[in-house]
Amino acid sequence: MSELASQGDVTAGPDPSAAPIQVRTITVQTGRLVCDIVIPDERFRRTTPGLAAFAAERFPDLPHHACVNAKGAAFGDVMEHTSTAHLLEHLAISLQTRAAAQAADSFVGTTEWTDEQAGEARVQLSFRDDLEALRAFNEATRFLNIAVLTCLA
């Protein structure tokens, strides 16, 4: 098991502590990443229809992802009103799926608030290739930080 500290490459801008979604730790375990994040500003903790549309425009597969939720069987059933950490999970899965287009792999994830009042969440992602999963999570975090600042600020 290895643990990586949050790096500037997973946030928007030169100051990682100013990013809306901040990565605290990423732990690589057998077959999965465990990513602890924090979203300090309450305004950025939930998606909106505008943020969901912005993400779906660039990731058209998102609404069709299988997703265990209280409203339906697809992520599209909740993506307009869910946690941004949950959106981050599905963005990273989408990026992994794109990279594994030749393989028959499917990826799964989970998201949970570890301390909702403090904006702390844990995103877990399965993977075929740990480096590809790290790349996907970093890219998803960068995209989401830009999207949040564009749509919610």
C-alpha atoms as a PDB file:
ATOM      1  CA  MET A   1       0.000   0.000   0.000  1.00  0.00           C
ATOM      2  CA  SER A   2       1.326   3.447  -0.830  1.00  0.00           C
ATOM      3  CA  GLU A   3       0.016   6.831   0.119  1.00  0.00           C
ATOM      4  CA  LEU A   4       0.457  10.010  -1.888  1.00  0.00           C
ATOM      5  CA  ALA A   5       0.092  13.455  -0.395  1.00  0.00           C
ATOM      6  CA  SER A   6      -2.056  16.003  -2.157  1.00  0.00           C
ATOM      7  CA  GLN A   7      -0.094  17.589  -4.967  1.00  0.00           C
ATOM      8  CA  GLY A   8      -0.653  20.807  -6.919  1.00  0.00           C
ATOM      9  CA  ASP A   9      -1.398  18.715 -10.028  1.00  0.00           C
ATOM     10  CA  VAL A  10      -4.806  17.625  -8.726  1.00  0.00           C
ATOM     11  CA  THR A  11      -6.160  21.102  -8.060  1.00  0.00           C
ATOM     12  CA  ALA A  12      -6.987  24.183 -10.075  1.00  0.00           C
ATOM     13  CA  GLY A  13      -4.451  26.975  -9.899  1.00  0.00           C
ATOM     14  CA  PRO A  14      -1.094  27.385  -8.205  1.00  0.00           C
ATOM     15  CA  ASP A  15      -2.409  27.253  -4.619  1.00  0.00           C
ATOM     16  CA  PRO A  16      -3.922  23.813  -3.836  1.00  0.00           C
ATOM     17  CA  SER A  17      -5.437  25.110  -0.593  1.00  0.00           C
ATOM     18  CA  ALA A  18      -7.548  27.579  -2.614  1.00  0.00           C
ATOM     19  CA  ALA A  19      -9.122  24.903  -4.842  1.00  0.00           C
ATOM     20  CA  PRO A  20     -12.809  24.140  -4.258  1.00  0.00           C
ATOM     21  CA  ILE A  21     -12.105  20.388  -4.105  1.00  0.00           C
ATOM     22  CA  GLN A  22      -8.893  19.541  -2.277  1.00  0.00           C
ATOM     23  CA  VAL A  23      -7.276  16.131  -2.216  1.00  0.00           C
ATOM     24  CA  ARG A  24      -5.976  15.211   1.223  1.00  0.00           C
ATOM     25  CA  THR A  25      -4.676  11.700   0.504  1.00  0.00           C
ATOM     26  CA  ILE A  26      -4.786   9.002  -2.121  1.00  0.00           C
ATOM     27  CA  THR A  27      -4.114   5.478  -0.936  1.00  0.00           C
ATOM     28  CA  VAL A  28      -3.465   2.771  -3.514  1.00  0.00           C
ATOM     29  CA  GLN A  29      -4.812  -0.568  -2.318  1.00  0.00           C
ATOM     30  CA  THR A  30      -5.121  -3.847  -4.154  1.00  0.00           C
ATOM     31  CA  GLY A  31      -7.595  -3.126  -6.946  1.00  0.00           C
ATOM     32  CA  ARG A  32      -8.803   0.251  -5.680  1.00  0.00           C
ATOM     33  CA  LEU A  33      -7.905   3.840  -4.872  1.00  0.00           C
ATOM     34  CA  VAL A  34      -9.109   5.408  -1.650  1.00  0.00           C
ATOM     35  CA  CYS A  35      -9.190   9.182  -2.067  1.00  0.00           C
ATOM     36  CA  ASP A  36      -9.894  11.481   0.864  1.00  0.00           C
ATOM     37  CA  ILE A  37     -11.009  14.924  -0.226  1.00  0.00           C
ATOM     38  CA  VAL A  38     -12.296  18.076   1.408  1.00  0.00           C
ATOM     39  CA  ILE A  39     -14.660  20.686   0.042  1.00  0.00           C
ATOM     40  CA  PRO A  40     -14.283  23.543   2.548  1.00  0.00           C
ATOM     41  CA  ASP A  41     -16.851  25.929   1.043  1.00  0.00           C
ATOM     42  CA  GLU A  42     -20.455  24.755   1.519  1.00  0.00           C
ATOM     43  CA  ARG A  43     -21.477  26.402  -1.777  1.00  0.00           C
ATOM     44  CA  PHE A  44     -19.404  23.839  -3.674  1.00  0.00           C
ATOM     45  CA  ARG A  45     -20.555  20.647  -1.914  1.00  0.00           C
ATOM     46  CA  ARG A  46     -23.682  19.945  -3.993  1.00  0.00           C
ATOM     47  CA  THR A  47     -24.293  19.793  -7.698  1.00  0.00           C
ATOM     48  CA  THR A  48     -26.864  21.924  -9.507  1.00  0.00           C
ATOM     49  CA  PRO A  49     -28.634  21.444 -12.830  1.00  0.00           C
ATOM     50  CA  GLY A  50     -26.139  23.876 -14.389  1.00  0.00           C
ATOM     51  CA  LEU A  51     -23.098  22.011 -13.074  1.00  0.00           C
ATOM     52  CA  ALA A  52     -24.609  18.671 -14.122  1.00  0.00           C
ATOM     53  CA  ALA A  53     -25.262  19.985 -17.643  1.00  0.00           C
ATOM     54  CA  PHE A  54     -21.712  21.392 -17.861  1.00  0.00           C
ATOM     55  CA  ALA A  55     -20.270  17.997 -16.886  1.00  0.00           C
ATOM     56  CA  ALA A  56     -22.636  15.991 -19.123  1.00  0.00           C
ATOM     57  CA  GLU A  57     -21.747  18.170 -22.114  1.00  0.00           C
ATOM     58  CA  ARG A  58     -18.111  17.107 -21.795  1.00  0.00           C
ATOM     59  CA  PHE A  59     -18.822  13.599 -20.463  1.00  0.00           C
ATOM     60  CA  PRO A  60     -22.015  12.471 -22.241  1.00  0.00           C
ATOM     61  CA  ASP A  61     -21.820   8.992 -20.710  1.00  0.00           C
ATOM     62  CA  LEU A  62     -22.282  10.303 -17.134  1.00  0.00           C
ATOM     63  CA  PRO A  63     -26.098  10.214 -16.993  1.00  0.00           C
ATOM     64  CA  HIS A  64     -26.030   6.596 -18.199  1.00  0.00           C
ATOM     65  CA  HIS A  65     -23.633   5.253 -15.538  1.00  0.00           C
ATOM     66  CA  ALA A  66     -25.093   2.570 -13.323  1.00  0.00           C
ATOM     67  CA  CYS A  67     -25.511   4.059  -9.868  1.00  0.00           C
ATOM     68  CA  VAL A  68     -27.045   2.831  -6.639  1.00  0.00           C
ATOM     69  CA  ASN A  69     -29.179   5.721  -5.423  1.00  0.00           C
ATOM     70  CA  ALA A  70     -32.632   6.404  -3.977  1.00  0.00           C
ATOM     71  CA  LYS A  71     -34.098   7.829  -7.208  1.00  0.00           C
ATOM     72  CA  GLY A  72     -33.261   5.249  -9.885  1.00  0.00           C
ATOM     73  CA  ALA A  73     -30.684   2.966 -11.418  1.00  0.00           C
ATOM     74  CA  ALA A  74     -28.580   5.584 -13.241  1.00  0.00           C
ATOM     75  CA  PHE A  75     -26.366   8.466 -12.171  1.00  0.00           C
ATOM     76  CA  GLY A  76     -28.524  10.740 -14.341  1.00  0.00           C
ATOM     77  CA  ASP A  77     -31.353  10.227 -11.846  1.00  0.00           C
ATOM     78  CA  VAL A  78     -29.410  12.151  -9.172  1.00  0.00           C
ATOM     79  CA  MET A  79     -26.620  14.045 -10.897  1.00  0.00           C
ATOM     80  CA  GLU A  80     -28.371  17.443 -10.689  1.00  0.00           C
ATOM     81  CA  HIS A  81     -28.717  17.202  -6.894  1.00  0.00           C
ATOM     82  CA  THR A  82     -25.923  15.083  -5.405  1.00  0.00           C
ATOM     83  CA  SER A  83     -22.616  15.760  -3.718  1.00  0.00           C
ATOM     84  CA  THR A  84     -19.809  17.087  -5.879  1.00  0.00           C
ATOM     85  CA  ALA A  85     -17.723  14.242  -4.419  1.00  0.00           C
ATOM     86  CA  HIS A  86     -20.186  11.798  -6.016  1.00  0.00           C
ATOM     87  CA  LEU A  87     -19.801  13.639  -9.336  1.00  0.00           C
ATOM     88  CA  LEU A  88     -16.015  13.361  -8.930  1.00  0.00           C
ATOM     89  CA  GLU A  89     -16.360   9.582  -8.537  1.00  0.00           C
ATOM     90  CA  HIS A  90     -18.326   9.274 -11.786  1.00  0.00           C
ATOM     91  CA  LEU A  91     -15.964  11.609 -13.682  1.00  0.00           C
ATOM     92  CA  ALA A  92     -12.990   9.438 -12.693  1.00  0.00           C
ATOM     93  CA  ILE A  93     -14.879   6.292 -13.730  1.00  0.00           C
ATOM     94  CA  SER A  94     -15.728   7.897 -17.076  1.00  0.00           C
ATOM     95  CA  LEU A  95     -12.075   8.765 -17.702  1.00  0.00           C
ATOM     96  CA  GLN A  96     -10.942   5.249 -16.808  1.00  0.00           C
ATOM     97  CA  THR A  97     -13.577   3.792 -19.123  1.00  0.00           C
ATOM     98  CA  ARG A  98     -12.384   5.998 -21.997  1.00  0.00           C
ATOM     99  CA  ALA A  99      -8.787   4.880 -21.438  1.00  0.00           C
ATOM    100  CA  ALA A 100      -9.803   1.205 -21.345  1.00  0.00           C
ATOM    101  CA  ALA A 101     -11.992   1.401 -24.461  1.00  0.00           C
ATOM    102  CA  GLN A 102     -10.320  -1.657 -25.988  1.00  0.00           C
ATOM    103  CA  ALA A 103     -10.748  -3.712 -22.824  1.00  0.00           C
ATOM    104  CA  ALA A 104     -13.986  -5.159 -21.518  1.00  0.00           C
ATOM    105  CA  ASP A 105     -13.395  -3.605 -18.103  1.00  0.00           C
ATOM    106  CA  SER A 106     -16.031  -1.896 -16.053  1.00  0.00           C
ATOM    107  CA  PHE A 107     -15.178   0.243 -13.087  1.00  0.00           C
ATOM    108  CA  VAL A 108     -17.053   0.821  -9.866  1.00  0.00           C
ATOM    109  CA  GLY A 109     -16.817   3.389  -7.139  1.00  0.00           C
ATOM    110  CA  THR A 110     -18.341   4.562  -3.914  1.00  0.00           C
ATOM    111  CA  THR A 111     -18.599   7.960  -2.305  1.00  0.00           C
ATOM    112  CA  GLU A 112     -19.406   8.753   1.305  1.00  0.00           C
ATOM    113  CA  TRP A 113     -19.214  11.779   3.525  1.00  0.00           C
ATOM    114  CA  THR A 114     -16.739  11.065   6.313  1.00  0.00           C
ATOM    115  CA  ASP A 115     -17.632  14.393   7.974  1.00  0.00           C
ATOM    116  CA  GLU A 116     -20.301  16.226   6.003  1.00  0.00           C
ATOM    117  CA  GLN A 117     -20.242  19.299   8.280  1.00  0.00           C
ATOM    118  CA  ALA A 118     -16.535  19.748   7.526  1.00  0.00           C
ATOM    119  CA  GLY A 119     -16.969  18.888   3.840  1.00  0.00           C
ATOM    120  CA  GLU A 120     -14.821  15.755   4.101  1.00  0.00           C
ATOM    121  CA  ALA A 121     -15.567  12.820   1.807  1.00  0.00           C
ATOM    122  CA  ARG A 122     -14.022   9.548   0.691  1.00  0.00           C
ATOM    123  CA  VAL A 123     -14.149   8.461  -2.945  1.00  0.00           C
ATOM    124  CA  GLN A 124     -13.142   4.872  -3.729  1.00  0.00           C
ATOM    125  CA  LEU A 125     -12.495   3.647  -7.258  1.00  0.00           C
ATOM    126  CA  SER A 126     -11.745   0.228  -8.669  1.00  0.00           C
ATOM    127  CA  PHE A 127      -9.076  -0.008 -11.336  1.00  0.00           C
ATOM    128  CA  ARG A 128      -7.351  -2.238 -13.827  1.00  0.00           C
ATOM    129  CA  ASP A 129      -4.181  -0.149 -13.814  1.00  0.00           C
ATOM    130  CA  ASP A 130      -3.239   1.910 -10.757  1.00  0.00           C
ATOM    131  CA  LEU A 131      -1.380   4.571 -12.741  1.00  0.00           C
ATOM    132  CA  GLU A 132      -4.310   4.986 -15.117  1.00  0.00           C
ATOM    133  CA  ALA A 133      -6.661   5.309 -12.148  1.00  0.00           C
ATOM    134  CA  LEU A 134      -4.432   7.971 -10.568  1.00  0.00           C
ATOM    135  CA  ARG A 135      -4.312   9.851 -13.876  1.00  0.00           C
ATOM    136  CA  ALA A 136      -8.107   9.633 -14.211  1.00  0.00           C
ATOM    137  CA  PHE A 137      -8.695  10.835 -10.640  1.00  0.00           C
ATOM    138  CA  ASN A 138      -6.253  13.748 -11.073  1.00  0.00           C
ATOM    139  CA  GLU A 139      -7.843  14.759 -14.387  1.00  0.00           C
ATOM    140  CA  ALA A 140     -11.355  14.452 -12.943  1.00  0.00           C
ATOM    141  CA  THR A 141     -10.379  16.625  -9.968  1.00  0.00           C
ATOM    142  CA  ARG A 142      -8.864  19.301 -12.230  1.00  0.00           C
ATOM    143  CA  PHE A 143     -11.965  19.298 -14.449  1.00  0.00           C
ATOM    144  CA  LEU A 144     -14.348  19.460 -11.487  1.00  0.00           C
ATOM    145  CA  ASN A 145     -12.463  22.326  -9.838  1.00  0.00           C
ATOM    146  CA  ILE A 146     -12.787  24.331 -13.050  1.00  0.00           C
ATOM    147  CA  ALA A 147     -16.436  23.304 -13.494  1.00  0.00           C
ATOM    148  CA  VAL A 148     -17.334  24.257  -9.915  1.00  0.00           C
ATOM    149  CA  LEU A 149     -15.702  27.672 -10.274  1.00  0.00           C
ATOM    150  CA  THR A 150     -17.435  28.182 -13.623  1.00  0.00           C
ATOM    151  CA  CYS A 151     -20.921  27.052 -12.556  1.00  0.00           C
ATOM    152  CA  LEU A 152     -21.206  27.620  -8.801  1.00  0.00           C
ATOM    153  CA  ALA A 153     -18.979  30.572  -7.903  1.00  0.00           C
END
